[in-house]
């Protein structure tokens, strides 16, 4: 990635070739992965607080074969997105102007 002016980060593969790669501590929280879904790269989040194995199972039912776990951490379980008109939409969790671990999809 660096050779092409890109960046990288380290997480683990949550799903590889359709199989769950590992279980993590069984804590109930919201979960997030970056996945290939219907030929597109997207973020998939749990709608409710749940255990990790249940989340991965639901994602596999969607047909996801490749996914990277994106740790939201115990103190950073929140989600926002920015609409095309620039308005920030809070999906759940902290409501504030600033956050961290942004993922940007640019054309």
C-alpha atoms as a PDB file:
ATOM      1  CA  UNK A   1       0.000   0.000   0.000  1.00  0.00           C
ATOM      2  CA  UNK A   2       2.796   2.429   0.885  1.00  0.00           C
ATOM      3  CA  UNK A   3       4.365   2.062  -2.580  1.00  0.00           C
ATOM      4  CA  UNK A   4       1.123   3.420  -4.046  1.00  0.00           C
ATOM      5  CA  UNK A   5       0.738   6.296  -1.534  1.00  0.00           C
ATOM      6  CA  UNK A   6      -1.688   4.299   0.600  1.00  0.00           C
ATOM      7  CA  UNK A   7      -1.960   3.572   4.284  1.00  0.00           C
ATOM      8  CA  UNK A   8      -2.608   0.452   6.276  1.00  0.00           C
ATOM      9  CA  UNK A   9      -3.712  -0.669   9.688  1.00  0.00           C
ATOM     10  CA  UNK A  10      -3.598  -3.908  11.609  1.00  0.00           C
ATOM     11  CA  UNK A  11      -6.609  -5.908  12.659  1.00  0.00           C
ATOM     12  CA  UNK A  12      -7.400  -9.576  12.069  1.00  0.00           C
ATOM     13  CA  UNK A  13      -9.373 -11.433   9.455  1.00  0.00           C
ATOM     14  CA  UNK A  14     -12.781 -12.200  10.927  1.00  0.00           C
ATOM     15  CA  UNK A  15     -13.923 -14.306   7.980  1.00  0.00           C
ATOM     16  CA  UNK A  16     -11.591 -15.877   5.421  1.00  0.00           C
ATOM     17  CA  UNK A  17     -12.816 -18.014   2.528  1.00  0.00           C
ATOM     18  CA  UNK A  18     -16.229 -18.095   4.179  1.00  0.00           C
ATOM     19  CA  UNK A  19     -14.986 -19.448   7.516  1.00  0.00           C
ATOM     20  CA  UNK A  20     -14.806 -17.662  10.868  1.00  0.00           C
ATOM     21  CA  UNK A  21     -11.127 -17.331  11.755  1.00  0.00           C
ATOM     22  CA  UNK A  22     -11.374 -17.102  15.558  1.00  0.00           C
ATOM     23  CA  UNK A  23     -13.487 -16.235  18.514  1.00  0.00           C
ATOM     24  CA  UNK A  24     -12.600 -13.342  20.742  1.00  0.00           C
ATOM     25  CA  UNK A  25     -13.627 -12.657  24.295  1.00  0.00           C
ATOM     26  CA  UNK A  26     -17.327 -13.214  24.582  1.00  0.00           C
ATOM     27  CA  UNK A  27     -18.420  -9.734  25.521  1.00  0.00           C
ATOM     28  CA  UNK A  28     -21.728  -8.218  24.594  1.00  0.00           C
ATOM     29  CA  UNK A  29     -21.268  -5.069  22.543  1.00  0.00           C
ATOM     30  CA  UNK A  30     -21.771  -3.631  19.079  1.00  0.00           C
ATOM     31  CA  UNK A  31     -19.430  -5.074  16.443  1.00  0.00           C
ATOM     32  CA  UNK A  32     -18.037  -3.828  13.127  1.00  0.00           C
ATOM     33  CA  UNK A  33     -16.258  -5.446  10.197  1.00  0.00           C
ATOM     34  CA  UNK A  34     -15.054  -4.296   6.792  1.00  0.00           C
ATOM     35  CA  UNK A  35     -16.245  -6.857   4.284  1.00  0.00           C
ATOM     36  CA  UNK A  36     -16.575  -7.721   0.660  1.00  0.00           C
ATOM     37  CA  UNK A  37     -20.324  -7.958   0.125  1.00  0.00           C
ATOM     38  CA  UNK A  38     -22.022  -8.324  -3.257  1.00  0.00           C
ATOM     39  CA  UNK A  39     -18.812  -7.297  -5.013  1.00  0.00           C
ATOM     40  CA  UNK A  40     -18.353  -4.120  -2.961  1.00  0.00           C
ATOM     41  CA  UNK A  41     -16.237  -3.180   0.046  1.00  0.00           C
ATOM     42  CA  UNK A  42     -18.430  -1.980   2.888  1.00  0.00           C
ATOM     43  CA  UNK A  43     -18.716  -1.674   6.648  1.00  0.00           C
ATOM     44  CA  UNK A  44     -21.152  -3.972   8.422  1.00  0.00           C
ATOM     45  CA  UNK A  45     -22.175  -3.243  12.001  1.00  0.00           C
ATOM     46  CA  UNK A  46     -24.416  -4.978  14.462  1.00  0.00           C
ATOM     47  CA  UNK A  47     -27.700  -3.178  15.047  1.00  0.00           C
ATOM     48  CA  UNK A  48     -27.873  -4.285  18.656  1.00  0.00           C
ATOM     49  CA  UNK A  49     -25.532  -5.326  21.431  1.00  0.00           C
ATOM     50  CA  UNK A  50     -24.649  -8.989  20.929  1.00  0.00           C
ATOM     51  CA  UNK A  51     -21.865 -11.522  21.373  1.00  0.00           C
ATOM     52  CA  UNK A  52     -19.131 -11.710  18.725  1.00  0.00           C
ATOM     53  CA  UNK A  53     -19.815 -15.321  17.585  1.00  0.00           C
ATOM     54  CA  UNK A  54     -23.467 -14.426  16.993  1.00  0.00           C
ATOM     55  CA  UNK A  55     -22.492 -11.352  14.978  1.00  0.00           C
ATOM     56  CA  UNK A  56     -20.107 -13.303  12.751  1.00  0.00           C
ATOM     57  CA  UNK A  57     -22.706 -16.025  12.239  1.00  0.00           C
ATOM     58  CA  UNK A  58     -25.254 -13.437  11.059  1.00  0.00           C
ATOM     59  CA  UNK A  59     -22.716 -11.893   8.682  1.00  0.00           C
ATOM     60  CA  UNK A  60     -21.904 -15.324   7.246  1.00  0.00           C
ATOM     61  CA  UNK A  61     -25.638 -15.869   6.631  1.00  0.00           C
ATOM     62  CA  UNK A  62     -25.508 -12.789   4.374  1.00  0.00           C
ATOM     63  CA  UNK A  63     -22.958 -14.628   2.226  1.00  0.00           C
ATOM     64  CA  UNK A  64     -19.861 -12.686   3.280  1.00  0.00           C
ATOM     65  CA  UNK A  65     -16.716 -14.707   2.505  1.00  0.00           C
ATOM     66  CA  UNK A  66     -14.016 -12.156   3.417  1.00  0.00           C
ATOM     67  CA  UNK A  67     -14.070  -9.705   6.320  1.00  0.00           C
ATOM     68  CA  UNK A  68     -11.663  -7.799   8.567  1.00  0.00           C
ATOM     69  CA  UNK A  69     -12.575  -7.193  12.199  1.00  0.00           C
ATOM     70  CA  UNK A  70     -12.584  -3.509  13.139  1.00  0.00           C
ATOM     71  CA  UNK A  71     -12.195  -3.187  16.905  1.00  0.00           C
ATOM     72  CA  UNK A  72     -14.528  -0.579  18.344  1.00  0.00           C
ATOM     73  CA  UNK A  73     -13.224  -1.075  21.876  1.00  0.00           C
ATOM     74  CA  UNK A  74     -15.110  -0.905  25.137  1.00  0.00           C
ATOM     75  CA  UNK A  75     -15.036   2.896  25.234  1.00  0.00           C
ATOM     76  CA  UNK A  76     -15.526   3.621  21.568  1.00  0.00           C
ATOM     77  CA  UNK A  77     -18.623   1.696  20.543  1.00  0.00           C
ATOM     78  CA  UNK A  78     -20.284   4.363  18.467  1.00  0.00           C
ATOM     79  CA  UNK A  79     -21.038   4.856  14.822  1.00  0.00           C
ATOM     80  CA  UNK A  80     -21.618   7.804  12.530  1.00  0.00           C
ATOM     81  CA  UNK A  81     -21.627   8.455   8.840  1.00  0.00           C
ATOM     82  CA  UNK A  82     -21.556  11.567   6.706  1.00  0.00           C
ATOM     83  CA  UNK A  83     -24.238  11.963   4.050  1.00  0.00           C
ATOM     84  CA  UNK A  84     -23.399  13.334   0.620  1.00  0.00           C
ATOM     85  CA  UNK A  85     -24.759  16.729   1.714  1.00  0.00           C
ATOM     86  CA  UNK A  86     -22.187  16.808   4.557  1.00  0.00           C
ATOM     87  CA  UNK A  87     -24.605  16.174   7.440  1.00  0.00           C
ATOM     88  CA  UNK A  88     -23.278  13.775  10.102  1.00  0.00           C
ATOM     89  CA  UNK A  89     -25.747  11.061  11.132  1.00  0.00           C
ATOM     90  CA  UNK A  90     -25.258   9.363  14.506  1.00  0.00           C
ATOM     91  CA  UNK A  91     -26.278   5.694  14.353  1.00  0.00           C
ATOM     92  CA  UNK A  92     -25.574   4.818  17.991  1.00  0.00           C
ATOM     93  CA  UNK A  93     -23.305   5.635  20.907  1.00  0.00           C
ATOM     94  CA  UNK A  94     -21.436   8.821  21.682  1.00  0.00           C
ATOM     95  CA  UNK A  95     -22.817  12.037  20.287  1.00  0.00           C
ATOM     96  CA  UNK A  96     -20.056  14.503  19.780  1.00  0.00           C
ATOM     97  CA  UNK A  97     -18.240  16.507  17.219  1.00  0.00           C
ATOM     98  CA  UNK A  98     -15.059  14.463  17.350  1.00  0.00           C
ATOM     99  CA  UNK A  99     -14.370  10.759  17.126  1.00  0.00           C
ATOM    100  CA  UNK A 100     -11.508   8.518  16.072  1.00  0.00           C
ATOM    101  CA  UNK A 101     -10.774   5.626  13.728  1.00  0.00           C
ATOM    102  CA  UNK A 102     -12.427   7.072  10.682  1.00  0.00           C
ATOM    103  CA  UNK A 103     -12.751   4.970   7.534  1.00  0.00           C
ATOM    104  CA  UNK A 104     -13.201   7.005   4.364  1.00  0.00           C
ATOM    105  CA  UNK A 105     -14.381   5.737   1.009  1.00  0.00           C
ATOM    106  CA  UNK A 106     -13.451   8.228  -1.715  1.00  0.00           C
ATOM    107  CA  UNK A 107     -14.113   8.266  -5.442  1.00  0.00           C
END
